[in-house]
Amino acid sequence: MREKAFALFLLALFLFLMPLGLLFREAVGPLGLPPLYLYLYGAWGLVILLAYLLFRRA
């Protein structure tokens, strides 16, 4: 359990600390939203979903 929680922490660190400015140069993405916002909310939702799946069995 501790190893999975640590792996989730490392995944979240990788998702949020990588140089995001290098990935999203376009000002407008799908649905007229900035791609950076879509990425941040998507990554945040993924981390929350994985944390839920990990800790609901505990």
N, C-alpha and C. Protein backbone atom coordinates (compact mmCIF):
# COMPACT_ATOMS: atom_id res chain seq x y z
N MET A 1 0.83 -1.19 0.00
CA MET A 1 0.00 0.00 0.00
C MET A 1 0.87 1.26 0.00
N ARG A 2 1.92 1.25 0.82
CA ARG A 2 2.78 2.43 0.89
C ARG A 2 3.50 2.67 -0.43
N GLU A 3 3.88 1.58 -1.11
CA GLU A 3 4.58 1.73 -2.38
C GLU A 3 3.67 2.35 -3.43
N LYS A 4 2.42 1.94 -3.44
CA LYS A 4 1.46 2.49 -4.41
C LYS A 4 1.18 3.97 -4.12
N ALA A 5 1.08 4.32 -2.84
CA ALA A 5 0.85 5.72 -2.48
C ALA A 5 2.06 6.57 -2.87
N PHE A 6 3.25 6.04 -2.68
CA PHE A 6 4.45 6.78 -3.06
C PHE A 6 4.53 6.92 -4.58
N ALA A 7 4.16 5.87 -5.31
CA ALA A 7 4.15 5.94 -6.77
C ALA A 7 3.14 6.99 -7.26
N LEU A 8 1.99 7.06 -6.60
CA LEU A 8 1.00 8.07 -6.96
C LEU A 8 1.54 9.48 -6.68
N PHE A 9 2.24 9.64 -5.58
CA PHE A 9 2.86 10.93 -5.26
C PHE A 9 3.89 11.31 -6.33
N LEU A 10 4.71 10.37 -6.75
CA LEU A 10 5.71 10.65 -7.77
C LEU A 10 5.05 10.99 -9.11
N LEU A 11 3.97 10.29 -9.44
CA LEU A 11 3.24 10.59 -10.67
C LEU A 11 2.68 12.01 -10.62
N ALA A 12 2.09 12.38 -9.50
CA ALA A 12 1.55 13.73 -9.36
C ALA A 12 2.65 14.78 -9.44
N LEU A 13 3.79 14.50 -8.84
CA LEU A 13 4.92 15.42 -8.92
C LEU A 13 5.36 15.59 -10.36
N PHE A 14 5.46 14.49 -11.09
CA PHE A 14 5.87 14.55 -12.49
C PHE A 14 4.86 15.34 -13.33
N LEU A 15 3.58 15.11 -13.08
CA LEU A 15 2.55 15.78 -13.87
C LEU A 15 2.52 17.29 -13.63
N PHE A 16 2.79 17.72 -12.41
CA PHE A 16 2.63 19.13 -12.09
C PHE A 16 3.93 19.93 -12.06
N LEU A 17 5.08 19.28 -12.03
CA LEU A 17 6.33 20.02 -11.94
C LEU A 17 7.12 20.06 -13.24
N MET A 18 6.68 19.34 -14.25
CA MET A 18 7.41 19.41 -15.51
C MET A 18 7.19 20.77 -16.16
N PRO A 19 8.08 21.21 -17.03
CA PRO A 19 7.94 22.55 -17.62
C PRO A 19 6.74 22.64 -18.55
N LEU A 20 5.62 23.03 -17.99
CA LEU A 20 4.36 23.05 -18.74
C LEU A 20 4.36 24.11 -19.84
N GLY A 21 5.13 25.16 -19.68
CA GLY A 21 5.17 26.21 -20.69
C GLY A 21 5.73 25.72 -22.01
N LEU A 22 6.55 24.69 -21.96
CA LEU A 22 7.12 24.15 -23.19
C LEU A 22 6.13 23.29 -23.96
N LEU A 23 5.12 22.79 -23.29
CA LEU A 23 4.16 21.91 -23.94
C LEU A 23 3.03 22.66 -24.65
N PHE A 24 2.62 23.78 -24.11
CA PHE A 24 1.43 24.45 -24.60
C PHE A 24 1.76 25.85 -25.10
N ARG A 25 2.01 25.97 -26.36
CA ARG A 25 2.33 27.26 -26.96
C ARG A 25 1.09 27.93 -27.57
N GLU A 26 0.08 27.15 -27.88
CA GLU A 26 -1.11 27.69 -28.52
C GLU A 26 -1.95 28.47 -27.50
N ALA A 27 -2.55 29.54 -27.95
CA ALA A 27 -3.35 30.37 -27.04
C ALA A 27 -4.75 29.80 -26.85
N VAL A 28 -5.29 29.18 -27.90
CA VAL A 28 -6.66 28.66 -27.84
C VAL A 28 -6.64 27.20 -28.25
N GLY A 29 -7.26 26.36 -27.44
CA GLY A 29 -7.35 24.95 -27.73
C GLY A 29 -8.77 24.55 -28.03
N PRO A 30 -9.10 23.29 -27.82
CA PRO A 30 -10.46 22.83 -28.06
C PRO A 30 -11.46 23.54 -27.14
N LEU A 31 -12.62 23.79 -27.65
CA LEU A 31 -13.70 24.45 -26.92
C LEU A 31 -13.37 25.89 -26.56
N GLY A 32 -12.33 26.45 -27.16
CA GLY A 32 -11.96 27.83 -26.90
C GLY A 32 -11.24 28.05 -25.58
N LEU A 33 -10.84 26.97 -24.92
CA LEU A 33 -10.14 27.07 -23.64
C LEU A 33 -8.64 26.95 -23.86
N PRO A 34 -7.84 27.58 -23.01
CA PRO A 34 -6.39 27.41 -23.11
C PRO A 34 -6.00 25.96 -22.82
N PRO A 35 -5.11 25.37 -23.63
CA PRO A 35 -4.72 23.97 -23.42
C PRO A 35 -4.07 23.73 -22.06
N LEU A 36 -3.40 24.73 -21.52
CA LEU A 36 -2.77 24.57 -20.21
C LEU A 36 -3.82 24.29 -19.13
N TYR A 37 -4.93 25.00 -19.18
CA TYR A 37 -5.99 24.78 -18.20
C TYR A 37 -6.59 23.39 -18.35
N LEU A 38 -6.80 22.95 -19.59
CA LEU A 38 -7.33 21.61 -19.81
C LEU A 38 -6.38 20.55 -19.28
N TYR A 39 -5.09 20.74 -19.50
CA TYR A 39 -4.11 19.80 -18.99
C TYR A 39 -4.11 19.76 -17.46
N LEU A 40 -4.10 20.93 -16.82
CA LEU A 40 -4.03 20.97 -15.36
C LEU A 40 -5.26 20.33 -14.72
N TYR A 41 -6.45 20.64 -15.23
CA TYR A 41 -7.66 20.04 -14.66
C TYR A 41 -7.74 18.55 -14.96
N GLY A 42 -7.28 18.15 -16.14
CA GLY A 42 -7.28 16.73 -16.47
C GLY A 42 -6.31 15.95 -15.60
N ALA A 43 -5.11 16.48 -15.39
CA ALA A 43 -4.13 15.81 -14.54
C ALA A 43 -4.61 15.77 -13.09
N TRP A 44 -5.19 16.86 -12.64
CA TRP A 44 -5.73 16.92 -11.27
C TRP A 44 -6.83 15.87 -11.08
N GLY A 45 -7.73 15.78 -12.04
CA GLY A 45 -8.79 14.78 -11.97
C GLY A 45 -8.24 13.36 -12.00
N LEU A 46 -7.21 13.12 -12.80
CA LEU A 46 -6.60 11.79 -12.86
C LEU A 46 -5.97 11.41 -11.53
N VAL A 47 -5.27 12.33 -10.90
CA VAL A 47 -4.65 12.05 -9.60
C VAL A 47 -5.71 11.76 -8.55
N ILE A 48 -6.79 12.52 -8.56
CA ILE A 48 -7.87 12.29 -7.58
C ILE A 48 -8.53 10.94 -7.82
N LEU A 49 -8.78 10.59 -9.08
CA LEU A 49 -9.38 9.30 -9.40
C LEU A 49 -8.48 8.15 -8.97
N LEU A 50 -7.19 8.25 -9.24
CA LEU A 50 -6.27 7.19 -8.84
C LEU A 50 -6.16 7.09 -7.32
N ALA A 51 -6.17 8.22 -6.62
CA ALA A 51 -6.13 8.19 -5.16
C ALA A 51 -7.40 7.53 -4.60
N TYR A 52 -8.53 7.83 -5.19
CA TYR A 52 -9.78 7.20 -4.75
C TYR A 52 -9.72 5.69 -4.95
N LEU A 53 -9.27 5.27 -6.13
CA LEU A 53 -9.19 3.83 -6.40
C LEU A 53 -8.18 3.14 -5.50
N LEU A 54 -7.13 3.82 -5.15
CA LEU A 54 -6.10 3.24 -4.29
C LEU A 54 -6.58 3.11 -2.86
N PHE A 55 -7.19 4.15 -2.32
CA PHE A 55 -7.50 4.17 -0.89
C PHE A 55 -8.90 3.66 -0.54
N ARG A 56 -9.74 3.40 -1.49
CA ARG A 56 -11.06 2.87 -1.13
C ARG A 56 -10.99 1.42 -0.71
N ARG A 57 -9.93 0.73 -1.10
CA ARG A 57 -9.76 -0.66 -0.71
C ARG A 57 -9.11 -0.82 0.65
N ALA A 58 -8.56 0.26 1.18
CA ALA A 58 -7.81 0.17 2.44
C ALA A 58 -8.71 -0.08 3.62
